[in-house]
Amino acid sequence: MESLISFVENEFIPKKEFPKFSSGDTITVFYEIKEGDKTRTQFFKGVVVQRRGTGATETFTIRKMSGTIGVERIFPINMPALQKIELNKRGKVRRARIFYFRGLTGKKARIKEIRSRS
């Protein structure tokens, strides 16, 4: 049964090419919003808190600060409205799900950046 589900996911669900990212990375997600008969592109820039699931049901959670209020948004990786994902910074964290990040403020809320050797 599992092989049948994976076959259907691989054959019929369109795949989009996104950069590889993990928790702790700062990314910008561009997605389409439909308002009546108009569509516009909006972006959401923040730190990836977690990635969960596999295949067609994979999702990722992004957290950003809007003033003094933390805002989190969950995006399915196969959402048709997703246009592109830009990787802004790679972060060095030691966990796959950084829920402790919610309780940090100020300088403690900074994540160390991984510098690429190029």
PDB file of N, CA and C in Angstrom:
ATOM      1  N   MET A   1       0.820  -1.200   0.000  1.00  0.00           N
ATOM      2  CA  MET A   1       0.000   0.000   0.000  1.00  0.00           C
ATOM      3  C   MET A   1       0.862   1.260   0.000  1.00  0.00           C
ATOM      4  N   GLU A   2       1.953   1.228   0.789  1.00  0.00           N
ATOM      5  CA  GLU A   2       2.830   2.385   0.833  1.00  0.00           C
ATOM      6  C   GLU A   2       3.501   2.639  -0.507  1.00  0.00           C
ATOM      7  N   SER A   3       3.844   1.562  -1.212  1.00  0.00           N
ATOM      8  CA  SER A   3       4.483   1.752  -2.515  1.00  0.00           C
ATOM      9  C   SER A   3       3.506   2.357  -3.522  1.00  0.00           C
ATOM     10  N   LEU A   4       2.224   2.028  -3.388  1.00  0.00           N
ATOM     11  CA  LEU A   4       1.203   2.603  -4.269  1.00  0.00           C
ATOM     12  C   LEU A   4       1.053   4.097  -4.010  1.00  0.00           C
ATOM     13  N   ILE A   5       1.065   4.482  -2.738  1.00  0.00           N
ATOM     14  CA  ILE A   5       0.955   5.899  -2.388  1.00  0.00           C
ATOM     15  C   ILE A   5       2.169   6.668  -2.901  1.00  0.00           C
ATOM     16  N   SER A   6       3.348   6.118  -2.702  1.00  0.00           N
ATOM     17  CA  SER A   6       4.547   6.805  -3.179  1.00  0.00           C
ATOM     18  C   SER A   6       4.580   6.876  -4.696  1.00  0.00           C
ATOM     19  N   PHE A   7       4.073   5.860  -5.382  1.00  0.00           N
ATOM     20  CA  PHE A   7       4.009   5.877  -6.848  1.00  0.00           C
ATOM     21  C   PHE A   7       3.113   7.011  -7.322  1.00  0.00           C
ATOM     22  N   VAL A   8       1.931   7.145  -6.711  1.00  0.00           N
ATOM     23  CA  VAL A   8       0.993   8.206  -7.097  1.00  0.00           C
ATOM     24  C   VAL A   8       1.605   9.579  -6.820  1.00  0.00           C
ATOM     25  N   GLU A   9       2.273   9.728  -5.677  1.00  0.00           N
ATOM     26  CA  GLU A   9       2.916  11.007  -5.358  1.00  0.00           C
ATOM     27  C   GLU A   9       3.992  11.356  -6.380  1.00  0.00           C
ATOM     28  N   ASN A  10       4.797  10.380  -6.755  1.00  0.00           N
ATOM     29  CA  ASN A  10       5.889  10.643  -7.685  1.00  0.00           C
ATOM     30  C   ASN A  10       5.404  10.930  -9.097  1.00  0.00           C
ATOM     31  N   GLU A  11       4.319  10.286  -9.511  1.00  0.00           N
ATOM     32  CA  GLU A  11       3.862  10.418 -10.888  1.00  0.00           C
ATOM     33  C   GLU A  11       2.959  11.628 -11.125  1.00  0.00           C
ATOM     34  N   PHE A  12       2.053  11.910 -10.191  1.00  0.00           N
ATOM     35  CA  PHE A  12       0.990  12.860 -10.486  1.00  0.00           C
ATOM     36  C   PHE A  12       1.115  14.210  -9.802  1.00  0.00           C
ATOM     37  N   ILE A  13       1.945  14.328  -8.790  1.00  0.00           N
ATOM     38  CA  ILE A  13       2.094  15.611  -8.109  1.00  0.00           C
ATOM     39  C   ILE A  13       3.292  16.328  -8.710  1.00  0.00           C
ATOM     40  N   PRO A  14       3.071  17.545  -9.259  1.00  0.00           N
ATOM     41  CA  PRO A  14       4.186  18.265  -9.885  1.00  0.00           C
ATOM     42  C   PRO A  14       5.213  18.689  -8.843  1.00  0.00           C
ATOM     43  N   LYS A  15       6.482  18.534  -9.200  1.00  0.00           N
ATOM     44  CA  LYS A  15       7.576  18.889  -8.301  1.00  0.00           C
ATOM     45  C   LYS A  15       8.130  20.256  -8.701  1.00  0.00           C
ATOM     46  N   LYS A  16       8.408  21.086  -7.707  1.00  0.00           N
ATOM     47  CA  LYS A  16       9.058  22.365  -7.942  1.00  0.00           C
ATOM     48  C   LYS A  16      10.474  22.284  -7.388  1.00  0.00           C
ATOM     49  N   GLU A  17      11.385  22.991  -8.024  1.00  0.00           N
ATOM     50  CA  GLU A  17      12.775  22.992  -7.577  1.00  0.00           C
ATOM     51  C   GLU A  17      13.002  24.147  -6.613  1.00  0.00           C
ATOM     52  N   PHE A  18      13.292  23.817  -5.368  1.00  0.00           N
ATOM     53  CA  PHE A  18      13.595  24.813  -4.349  1.00  0.00           C
ATOM     54  C   PHE A  18      14.985  24.531  -3.805  1.00  0.00           C
ATOM     55  N   PRO A  19      15.665  25.553  -3.273  1.00  0.00           N
ATOM     56  CA  PRO A  19      16.982  25.294  -2.680  1.00  0.00           C
ATOM     57  C   PRO A  19      16.852  24.440  -1.422  1.00  0.00           C
ATOM     58  N   LYS A  20      17.916  23.744  -1.082  1.00  0.00           N
ATOM     59  CA  LYS A  20      17.914  22.927   0.129  1.00  0.00           C
ATOM     60  C   LYS A  20      18.061  23.854   1.332  1.00  0.00           C
ATOM     61  N   PHE A  21      17.151  23.715   2.293  1.00  0.00           N
ATOM     62  CA  PHE A  21      17.221  24.512   3.511  1.00  0.00           C
ATOM     63  C   PHE A  21      16.790  23.643   4.677  1.00  0.00           C
ATOM     64  N   SER A  22      17.197  24.047   5.878  1.00  0.00           N
ATOM     65  CA  SER A  22      16.847  23.301   7.077  1.00  0.00           C
ATOM     66  C   SER A  22      16.544  24.285   8.195  1.00  0.00           C
ATOM     67  N   SER A  23      16.299  23.770   9.382  1.00  0.00           N
ATOM     68  CA  SER A  23      15.948  24.650  10.491  1.00  0.00           C
ATOM     69  C   SER A  23      17.144  25.529  10.841  1.00  0.00           C
ATOM     70  N   GLY A  24      16.834  26.757  11.220  1.00  0.00           N
ATOM     71  CA  GLY A  24      17.864  27.740  11.522  1.00  0.00           C
ATOM     72  C   GLY A  24      18.209  28.635  10.360  1.00  0.00           C
ATOM     73  N   ASP A  25      17.842  28.246   9.148  1.00  0.00           N
ATOM     74  CA  ASP A  25      18.127  29.066   7.973  1.00  0.00           C
ATOM     75  C   ASP A  25      17.122  30.207   7.873  1.00  0.00           C
ATOM     76  N   THR A  26      17.582  31.337   7.351  1.00  0.00           N
ATOM     77  CA  THR A  26      16.692  32.465   7.082  1.00  0.00           C
ATOM     78  C   THR A  26      16.339  32.424   5.601  1.00  0.00           C
ATOM     79  N   ILE A  27      15.044  32.333   5.307  1.00  0.00           N
ATOM     80  CA  ILE A  27      14.596  32.240   3.919  1.00  0.00           C
ATOM     81  C   ILE A  27      13.498  33.260   3.648  1.00  0.00           C
ATOM     82  N   THR A  28      13.295  33.535   2.380  1.00  0.00           N
ATOM     83  CA  THR A  28      12.189  34.365   1.921  1.00  0.00           C
ATOM     84  C   THR A  28      11.314  33.515   1.015  1.00  0.00           C
ATOM     85  N   VAL A  29      10.034  33.431   1.350  1.00  0.00           N
ATOM     86  CA  VAL A  29       9.079  32.639   0.574  1.00  0.00           C
ATOM     87  C   VAL A  29       8.184  33.601  -0.192  1.00  0.00           C
ATOM     88  N   PHE A  30       8.132  33.454  -1.500  1.00  0.00           N
ATOM     89  CA  PHE A  30       7.254  34.254  -2.345  1.00  0.00           C
ATOM     90  C   PHE A  30       6.057  33.397  -2.713  1.00  0.00           C
ATOM     91  N   TYR A  31       4.852  33.894  -2.428  1.00  0.00           N
ATOM     92  CA  TYR A  31       3.645  33.129  -2.720  1.00  0.00           C
ATOM     93  C   TYR A  31       2.575  34.055  -3.270  1.00  0.00           C
ATOM     94  N   GLU A  32       1.657  33.464  -4.002  1.00  0.00           N
ATOM     95  CA  GLU A  32       0.609  34.191  -4.704  1.00  0.00           C
ATOM     96  C   GLU A  32      -0.631  34.302  -3.831  1.00  0.00           C
ATOM     97  N   ILE A  33      -1.241  35.479  -3.835  1.00  0.00           N
ATOM     98  CA  ILE A  33      -2.493  35.691  -3.105  1.00  0.00           C
ATOM     99  C   ILE A  33      -3.538  36.136  -4.105  1.00  0.00           C
ATOM    100  N   LYS A  34      -4.695  35.491  -4.052  1.00  0.00           N
ATOM    101  CA  LYS A  34      -5.799  35.865  -4.936  1.00  0.00           C
ATOM    102  C   LYS A  34      -6.799  36.694  -4.142  1.00  0.00           C
ATOM    103  N   GLU A  35      -7.074  37.892  -4.639  1.00  0.00           N
ATOM    104  CA  GLU A  35      -8.064  38.773  -4.025  1.00  0.00           C
ATOM    105  C   GLU A  35      -9.091  39.107  -5.097  1.00  0.00           C
ATOM    106  N   GLY A  36     -10.224  38.431  -5.044  1.00  0.00           N
ATOM    107  CA  GLY A  36     -11.222  38.601  -6.091  1.00  0.00           C
ATOM    108  C   GLY A  36     -10.708  38.016  -7.388  1.00  0.00           C
ATOM    109  N   ASP A  37     -10.610  38.837  -8.426  1.00  0.00           N
ATOM    110  CA  ASP A  37     -10.089  38.355  -9.704  1.00  0.00           C
ATOM    111  C   ASP A  37      -8.625  38.755  -9.915  1.00  0.00           C
ATOM    112  N   LYS A  38      -8.040  39.442  -8.933  1.00  0.00           N
ATOM    113  CA  LYS A  38      -6.644  39.863  -9.038  1.00  0.00           C
ATOM    114  C   LYS A  38      -5.744  38.912  -8.260  1.00  0.00           C
ATOM    115  N   THR A  39      -4.518  38.777  -8.737  1.00  0.00           N
ATOM    116  CA  THR A  39      -3.518  38.005  -7.998  1.00  0.00           C
ATOM    117  C   THR A  39      -2.303  38.891  -7.797  1.00  0.00           C
ATOM    118  N   ARG A  40      -1.680  38.725  -6.640  1.00  0.00           N
ATOM    119  CA  ARG A  40      -0.458  39.475  -6.358  1.00  0.00           C
ATOM    120  C   ARG A  40       0.510  38.562  -5.619  1.00  0.00           C
ATOM    121  N   THR A  41       1.772  38.935  -5.651  1.00  0.00           N
ATOM    122  CA  THR A  41       2.812  38.151  -4.991  1.00  0.00           C
ATOM    123  C   THR A  41       3.166  38.816  -3.668  1.00  0.00           C
ATOM    124  N   GLN A  42       3.201  38.023  -2.618  1.00  0.00           N
ATOM    125  CA  GLN A  42       3.580  38.512  -1.306  1.00  0.00           C
ATOM    126  C   GLN A  42       4.742  37.668  -0.815  1.00  0.00           C
ATOM    127  N   PHE A  43       5.585  38.229   0.027  1.00  0.00           N
ATOM    128  CA  PHE A  43       6.697  37.445   0.543  1.00  0.00           C
ATOM    129  C   PHE A  43       6.646  37.391   2.068  1.00  0.00           C
ATOM    130  N   PHE A  44       7.252  36.354   2.600  1.00  0.00           N
ATOM    131  CA  PHE A  44       7.320  36.125   4.040  1.00  0.00           C
ATOM    132  C   PHE A  44       8.757  35.741   4.341  1.00  0.00           C
ATOM    133  N   LYS A  45       9.472  36.605   5.069  1.00  0.00           N
ATOM    134  CA  LYS A  45      10.884  36.361   5.356  1.00  0.00           C
ATOM    135  C   LYS A  45      11.048  36.071   6.841  1.00  0.00           C
ATOM    136  N   GLY A  46      11.703  34.951   7.147  1.00  0.00           N
ATOM    137  CA  GLY A  46      11.916  34.607   8.540  1.00  0.00           C
ATOM    138  C   GLY A  46      12.828  33.401   8.687  1.00  0.00           C
ATOM    139  N   VAL A  47      12.899  32.914   9.915  1.00  0.00           N
ATOM    140  CA  VAL A  47      13.763  31.788  10.261  1.00  0.00           C
ATOM    141  C   VAL A  47      12.946  30.502  10.210  1.00  0.00           C
ATOM    142  N   VAL A  48      13.507  29.468   9.618  1.00  0.00           N
ATOM    143  CA  VAL A  48      12.837  28.168   9.552  1.00  0.00           C
ATOM    144  C   VAL A  48      12.914  27.536  10.936  1.00  0.00           C
ATOM    145  N   VAL A  49      11.735  27.256  11.519  1.00  0.00           N
ATOM    146  CA  VAL A  49      11.664  26.655  12.844  1.00  0.00           C
ATOM    147  C   VAL A  49      11.705  25.136  12.730  1.00  0.00           C
ATOM    148  N   GLN A  50      11.038  24.591  11.717  1.00  0.00           N
ATOM    149  CA  GLN A  50      11.022  23.140  11.557  1.00  0.00           C
ATOM    150  C   GLN A  50      10.654  22.767  10.135  1.00  0.00           C
ATOM    151  N   ARG A  51      11.034  21.560   9.749  1.00  0.00           N
ATOM    152  CA  ARG A  51      10.532  20.894   8.547  1.00  0.00           C
ATOM    153  C   ARG A  51       9.965  19.572   9.010  1.00  0.00           C
ATOM    154  N   ARG A  52       8.787  19.228   8.541  1.00  0.00           N
ATOM    155  CA  ARG A  52       8.201  17.963   8.968  1.00  0.00           C
ATOM    156  C   ARG A  52       7.496  17.298   7.803  1.00  0.00           C
ATOM    157  N   GLY A  53       7.413  15.962   7.875  1.00  0.00           N
ATOM    158  CA  GLY A  53       6.758  15.198   6.829  1.00  0.00           C
ATOM    159  C   GLY A  53       7.719  14.825   5.722  1.00  0.00           C
ATOM    160  N   THR A  54       7.211  13.999   4.809  1.00  0.00           N
ATOM    161  CA  THR A  54       8.006  13.590   3.658  1.00  0.00           C
ATOM    162  C   THR A  54       7.126  13.603   2.425  1.00  0.00           C
ATOM    163  N   GLY A  55       7.765  13.688   1.275  1.00  0.00           N
ATOM    164  CA  GLY A  55       7.038  13.593   0.012  1.00  0.00           C
ATOM    165  C   GLY A  55       6.062  14.726  -0.196  1.00  0.00           C
ATOM    166  N   ALA A  56       4.853  14.375  -0.593  1.00  0.00           N
ATOM    167  CA  ALA A  56       3.842  15.373  -0.952  1.00  0.00           C
ATOM    168  C   ALA A  56       3.291  16.104   0.257  1.00  0.00           C
ATOM    169  N   THR A  57       3.417  15.505   1.439  1.00  0.00           N
ATOM    170  CA  THR A  57       2.825  16.116   2.629  1.00  0.00           C
ATOM    171  C   THR A  57       3.832  16.891   3.471  1.00  0.00           C
ATOM    172  N   GLU A  58       5.007  17.166   2.920  1.00  0.00           N
ATOM    173  CA  GLU A  58       6.033  17.876   3.683  1.00  0.00           C
ATOM    174  C   GLU A  58       5.646  19.334   3.888  1.00  0.00           C
ATOM    175  N   THR A  59       5.889  19.841   5.088  1.00  0.00           N
ATOM    176  CA  THR A  59       5.622  21.239   5.413  1.00  0.00           C
ATOM    177  C   THR A  59       6.832  21.832   6.120  1.00  0.00           C
ATOM    178  N   PHE A  60       6.890  23.161   6.124  1.00  0.00           N
ATOM    179  CA  PHE A  60       7.916  23.848   6.898  1.00  0.00           C
ATOM    180  C   PHE A  60       7.294  25.065   7.558  1.00  0.00           C
ATOM    181  N   THR A  61       7.799  25.399   8.741  1.00  0.00           N
ATOM    182  CA  THR A  61       7.289  26.508   9.537  1.00  0.00           C
ATOM    183  C   THR A  61       8.335  27.610   9.567  1.00  0.00           C
ATOM    184  N   ILE A  62       7.880  28.845   9.332  1.00  0.00           N
ATOM    185  CA  ILE A  62       8.764  30.008   9.347  1.00  0.00           C
ATOM    186  C   ILE A  62       8.278  30.969  10.425  1.00  0.00           C
ATOM    187  N   ARG A  63       9.221  31.558  11.145  1.00  0.00           N
ATOM    188  CA  ARG A  63       8.896  32.531  12.191  1.00  0.00           C
ATOM    189  C   ARG A  63       9.590  33.849  11.882  1.00  0.00           C
ATOM    190  N   LYS A  64       8.832  34.930  12.000  1.00  0.00           N
ATOM    191  CA  LYS A  64       9.413  36.261  11.854  1.00  0.00           C
ATOM    192  C   LYS A  64       8.865  37.151  12.952  1.00  0.00           C
ATOM    193  N   MET A  65       9.559  38.228  13.198  1.00  0.00           N
ATOM    194  CA  MET A  65       9.101  39.200  14.177  1.00  0.00           C
ATOM    195  C   MET A  65       8.456  40.356  13.427  1.00  0.00           C
ATOM    196  N   SER A  66       7.206  40.651  13.790  1.00  0.00           N
ATOM    197  CA  SER A  66       6.491  41.790  13.224  1.00  0.00           C
ATOM    198  C   SER A  66       6.334  42.801  14.352  1.00  0.00           C
ATOM    199  N   GLY A  67       7.286  43.730  14.426  1.00  0.00           N
ATOM    200  CA  GLY A  67       7.335  44.634  15.575  1.00  0.00           C
ATOM    201  C   GLY A  67       7.823  43.859  16.780  1.00  0.00           C
ATOM    202  N   THR A  68       6.991  43.772  17.806  1.00  0.00           N
ATOM    203  CA  THR A  68       7.357  43.001  18.995  1.00  0.00           C
ATOM    204  C   THR A  68       6.604  41.681  19.075  1.00  0.00           C
ATOM    205  N   ILE A  69       5.835  41.382  18.063  1.00  0.00           N
ATOM    206  CA  ILE A  69       5.004  40.176  18.054  1.00  0.00           C
ATOM    207  C   ILE A  69       5.603  39.162  17.098  1.00  0.00           C
ATOM    208  N   GLY A  70       5.736  37.913  17.552  1.00  0.00           N
ATOM    209  CA  GLY A  70       6.233  36.843  16.707  1.00  0.00           C
ATOM    210  C   GLY A  70       5.114  36.263  15.864  1.00  0.00           C
ATOM    211  N   VAL A  71       5.375  36.084  14.573  1.00  0.00           N
ATOM    212  CA  VAL A  71       4.388  35.545  13.647  1.00  0.00           C
ATOM    213  C   VAL A  71       4.963  34.283  13.014  1.00  0.00           C
ATOM    214  N   GLU A  72       4.216  33.192  13.070  1.00  0.00           N
ATOM    215  CA  GLU A  72       4.645  31.941  12.444  1.00  0.00           C
ATOM    216  C   GLU A  72       3.670  31.576  11.346  1.00  0.00           C
ATOM    217  N   ARG A  73       4.203  30.968  10.307  1.00  0.00           N
ATOM    218  CA  ARG A  73       3.360  30.538   9.195  1.00  0.00           C
ATOM    219  C   ARG A  73       3.840  29.174   8.732  1.00  0.00           C
ATOM    220  N   ILE A  74       2.914  28.287   8.448  1.00  0.00           N
ATOM    221  CA  ILE A  74       3.231  26.940   7.983  1.00  0.00           C
ATOM    222  C   ILE A  74       2.940  26.876   6.481  1.00  0.00           C
ATOM    223  N   PHE A  75       3.935  26.440   5.711  1.00  0.00           N
ATOM    224  CA  PHE A  75       3.789  26.318   4.263  1.00  0.00           C
ATOM    225  C   PHE A  75       3.929  24.854   3.855  1.00  0.00           C
ATOM    226  N   PRO A  76       2.980  24.315   3.098  1.00  0.00           N
ATOM    227  CA  PRO A  76       3.203  23.007   2.471  1.00  0.00           C
ATOM    228  C   PRO A  76       4.202  23.175   1.328  1.00  0.00           C
ATOM    229  N   ILE A  77       5.104  22.223   1.168  1.00  0.00           N
ATOM    230  CA  ILE A  77       6.148  22.344   0.154  1.00  0.00           C
ATOM    231  C   ILE A  77       5.556  22.239  -1.257  1.00  0.00           C
ATOM    232  N   ASN A  78       4.413  21.564  -1.395  1.00  0.00           N
ATOM    233  CA  ASN A  78       3.782  21.408  -2.707  1.00  0.00           C
ATOM    234  C   ASN A  78       2.609  22.356  -2.912  1.00  0.00           C
ATOM    235  N   MET A  79       2.551  23.445  -2.170  1.00  0.00           N
ATOM    236  CA  MET A  79       1.469  24.407  -2.327  1.00  0.00           C
ATOM    237  C   MET A  79       1.544  25.041  -3.719  1.00  0.00           C
ATOM    238  N   PRO A  80       0.451  25.015  -4.486  1.00  0.00           N
ATOM    239  CA  PRO A  80       0.497  25.568  -5.843  1.00  0.00           C
ATOM    240  C   PRO A  80       0.796  27.069  -5.871  1.00  0.00           C
ATOM    241  N   ALA A  81       0.454  27.787  -4.803  1.00  0.00           N
ATOM    242  CA  ALA A  81       0.672  29.229  -4.775  1.00  0.00           C
ATOM    243  C   ALA A  81       2.124  29.608  -4.505  1.00  0.00           C
ATOM    244  N   LEU A  82       2.958  28.661  -4.081  1.00  0.00           N
ATOM    245  CA  LEU A  82       4.374  28.960  -3.843  1.00  0.00           C
ATOM    246  C   LEU A  82       5.062  29.243  -5.171  1.00  0.00           C
ATOM    247  N   GLN A  83       5.697  30.393  -5.266  1.00  0.00           N
ATOM    248  CA  GLN A  83       6.398  30.726  -6.497  1.00  0.00           C
ATOM    249  C   GLN A  83       7.881  30.417  -6.407  1.00  0.00           C
ATOM    250  N   LYS A  84       8.538  30.931  -5.361  1.00  0.00           N
ATOM    251  CA  LYS A  84       9.956  30.631  -5.202  1.00  0.00           C
ATOM    252  C   LYS A  84      10.357  30.806  -3.745  1.00  0.00           C
ATOM    253  N   ILE A  85      11.487  30.203  -3.412  1.00  0.00           N
ATOM    254  CA  ILE A  85      12.067  30.310  -2.088  1.00  0.00           C
ATOM    255  C   ILE A  85      13.511  30.765  -2.266  1.00  0.00           C
ATOM    256  N   GLU A  86      13.873  31.847  -1.560  1.00  0.00           N
ATOM    257  CA  GLU A  86      15.244  32.334  -1.602  1.00  0.00           C
ATOM    258  C   GLU A  86      15.908  32.033  -0.266  1.00  0.00           C
ATOM    259  N   LEU A  87      17.099  31.506  -0.318  1.00  0.00           N
ATOM    260  CA  LEU A  87      17.875  31.229   0.889  1.00  0.00           C
ATOM    261  C   LEU A  87      18.731  32.447   1.184  1.00  0.00           C
ATOM    262  N   ASN A  88      18.442  33.155   2.286  1.00  0.00           N
ATOM    263  CA  ASN A  88      19.183  34.365   2.629  1.00  0.00           C
ATOM    264  C   ASN A  88      20.427  34.069   3.468  1.00  0.00           C
ATOM    265  N   LYS A  89      20.272  33.267   4.523  1.00  0.00           N
ATOM    266  CA  LYS A  89      21.390  32.935   5.407  1.00  0.00           C
ATOM    267  C   LYS A  89      21.266  31.494   5.864  1.00  0.00           C
ATOM    268  N   ARG A  90      22.394  30.824   5.990  1.00  0.00           N
ATOM    269  CA  ARG A  90      22.409  29.489   6.579  1.00  0.00           C
ATOM    270  C   ARG A  90      22.690  29.652   8.064  1.00  0.00           C
ATOM    271  N   GLY A  91      21.901  28.993   8.888  1.00  0.00           N
ATOM    272  CA  GLY A  91      22.080  29.107  10.323  1.00  0.00           C
ATOM    273  C   GLY A  91      22.637  27.836  10.926  1.00  0.00           C
ATOM    274  N   LYS A  92      23.426  27.989  11.976  1.00  0.00           N
ATOM    275  CA  LYS A  92      24.014  26.836  12.662  1.00  0.00           C
ATOM    276  C   LYS A  92      23.212  26.574  13.921  1.00  0.00           C
ATOM    277  N   VAL A  93      22.395  25.522  13.892  1.00  0.00           N
ATOM    278  CA  VAL A  93      21.640  25.093  15.060  1.00  0.00           C
ATOM    279  C   VAL A  93      21.902  23.609  15.271  1.00  0.00           C
ATOM    280  N   ARG A  94      21.657  23.155  16.497  1.00  0.00           N
ATOM    281  CA  ARG A  94      21.976  21.770  16.826  1.00  0.00           C
ATOM    282  C   ARG A  94      20.734  20.903  16.928  1.00  0.00           C
ATOM    283  N   ARG A  95      19.594  21.438  16.561  1.00  0.00           N
ATOM    284  CA  ARG A  95      18.351  20.691  16.647  1.00  0.00           C
ATOM    285  C   ARG A  95      17.593  20.798  15.327  1.00  0.00           C
ATOM    286  N   ALA A  96      16.712  19.817  15.069  1.00  0.00           N
ATOM    287  CA  ALA A  96      15.912  19.836  13.852  1.00  0.00           C
ATOM    288  C   ALA A  96      14.690  20.731  14.014  1.00  0.00           C
ATOM    289  N   ARG A  97      14.210  20.884  15.253  1.00  0.00           N
ATOM    290  CA  ARG A  97      13.048  21.738  15.521  1.00  0.00           C
ATOM    291  C   ARG A  97      13.419  22.694  16.635  1.00  0.00           C
ATOM    292  N   ILE A  98      13.513  23.964  16.303  1.00  0.00           N
ATOM    293  CA  ILE A  98      14.024  24.943  17.258  1.00  0.00           C
ATOM    294  C   ILE A  98      12.879  25.719  17.912  1.00  0.00           C
ATOM    295  N   PHE A  99      12.052  24.998  18.633  1.00  0.00           N
ATOM    296  CA  PHE A  99      10.928  25.627  19.319  1.00  0.00           C
ATOM    297  C   PHE A  99      11.387  26.523  20.460  1.00  0.00           C
ATOM    298  N   TYR A 100      12.590  26.288  20.981  1.00  0.00           N
ATOM    299  CA  TYR A 100      13.118  27.149  22.039  1.00  0.00           C
ATOM    300  C   TYR A 100      13.330  28.570  21.530  1.00  0.00           C
ATOM    301  N   PHE A 101      13.388  28.735  20.229  1.00  0.00           N
ATOM    302  CA  PHE A 101      13.593  30.039  19.597  1.00  0.00           C
ATOM    303  C   PHE A 101      12.427  30.987  19.880  1.00  0.00           C
ATOM    304  N   ARG A 102      11.245  30.428  20.148  1.00  0.00           N
ATOM    305  CA  ARG A 102      10.065  31.242  20.426  1.00  0.00           C
ATOM    306  C   ARG A 102      10.222  32.057  21.699  1.00  0.00           C
ATOM    307  N   GLY A 103      10.927  31.521  22.676  1.00  0.00           N
ATOM    308  CA  GLY A 103      11.055  32.198  23.960  1.00  0.00           C
ATOM    309  C   GLY A 103      12.211  33.165  24.055  1.00  0.00           C
ATOM    310  N   LEU A 104      13.025  33.274  23.012  1.00  0.00           N
ATOM    311  CA  LEU A 104      14.198  34.133  23.048  1.00  0.00           C
ATOM    312  C   LEU A 104      13.890  35.509  22.486  1.00  0.00           C
ATOM    313  N   THR A 105      14.491  36.534  23.101  1.00  0.00           N
ATOM    314  CA  THR A 105      14.326  37.902  22.611  1.00  0.00           C
ATOM    315  C   THR A 105      15.690  38.579  22.604  1.00  0.00           C
ATOM    316  N   GLY A 106      15.796  39.637  21.843  1.00  0.00           N
ATOM    317  CA  GLY A 106      17.014  40.436  21.814  1.00  0.00           C
ATOM    318  C   GLY A 106      18.196  39.712  21.210  1.00  0.00           C
ATOM    319  N   LYS A 107      19.373  39.879  21.845  1.00  0.00           N
ATOM    320  CA  LYS A 107      20.597  39.280  21.314  1.00  0.00           C
ATOM    321  C   LYS A 107      20.589  37.764  21.408  1.00  0.00           C
ATOM    322  N   LYS A 108      19.836  37.215  22.356  1.00  0.00           N
ATOM    323  CA  LYS A 108      19.775  35.767  22.509  1.00  0.00           C
ATOM    324  C   LYS A 108      19.051  35.110  21.332  1.00  0.00           C
ATOM    325  N   ALA A 109      18.245  35.880  20.622  1.00  0.00           N
ATOM    326  CA  ALA A 109      17.471  35.329  19.512  1.00  0.00           C
ATOM    327  C   ALA A 109      18.268  35.280  18.212  1.00  0.00           C
ATOM    328  N   ARG A 110      19.560  35.582  18.274  1.00  0.00           N
ATOM    329  CA  ARG A 110      20.377  35.518  17.070  1.00  0.00           C
ATOM    330  C   ARG A 110      20.859  34.091  16.841  1.00  0.00           C
ATOM    331  N   ILE A 111      20.913  33.705  15.588  1.00  0.00           N
ATOM    332  CA  ILE A 111      21.430  32.396  15.209  1.00  0.00           C
ATOM    333  C   ILE A 111      22.731  32.612  14.459  1.00  0.00           C
ATOM    334  N   LYS A 112      23.759  31.862  14.856  1.00  0.00           N
ATOM    335  CA  LYS A 112      25.066  31.999  14.225  1.00  0.00           C
ATOM    336  C   LYS A 112      24.998  31.564  12.773  1.00  0.00           C
ATOM    337  N   GLU A 113      25.654  32.324  11.916  1.00  0.00           N
ATOM    338  CA  GLU A 113      25.596  32.044  10.473  1.00  0.00           C
ATOM    339  C   GLU A 113      26.739  31.135  10.069  1.00  0.00           C
ATOM    340  N   ILE A 114      26.424  30.210   9.148  1.00  0.00           N
ATOM    341  CA  ILE A 114      27.449  29.345   8.559  1.00  0.00           C
ATOM    342  C   ILE A 114      27.965  30.043   7.309  1.00  0.00           C
ATOM    343  N   ARG A 115      29.260  30.307   7.310  1.00  0.00           N
ATOM    344  CA  ARG A 115      29.868  30.936   6.139  1.00  0.00           C
ATOM    345  C   ARG A 115      30.291  29.845   5.162  1.00  0.00           C
ATOM    346  N   SER A 116      29.935  30.020   3.893  1.00  0.00           N
ATOM    347  CA  SER A 116      30.336  29.027   2.895  1.00  0.00           C
ATOM    348  C   SER A 116      31.741  29.339   2.409  1.00  0.00           C
ATOM    349  N   ARG A 117      32.482  28.304   2.105  1.00  0.00           N
ATOM    350  CA  ARG A 117      33.853  28.474   1.612  1.00  0.00           C
ATOM    351  C   ARG A 117      33.835  28.581   0.095  1.00  0.00           C
ATOM    352  N   SER A 118      33.827  29.800  -0.398  1.00  0.00           N
ATOM    353  CA  SER A 118      33.848  29.967  -1.861  1.00  0.00           C
ATOM    354  C   SER A 118      34.725  31.121  -2.268  1.00  0.00           C
TER     355      SER A 118
END
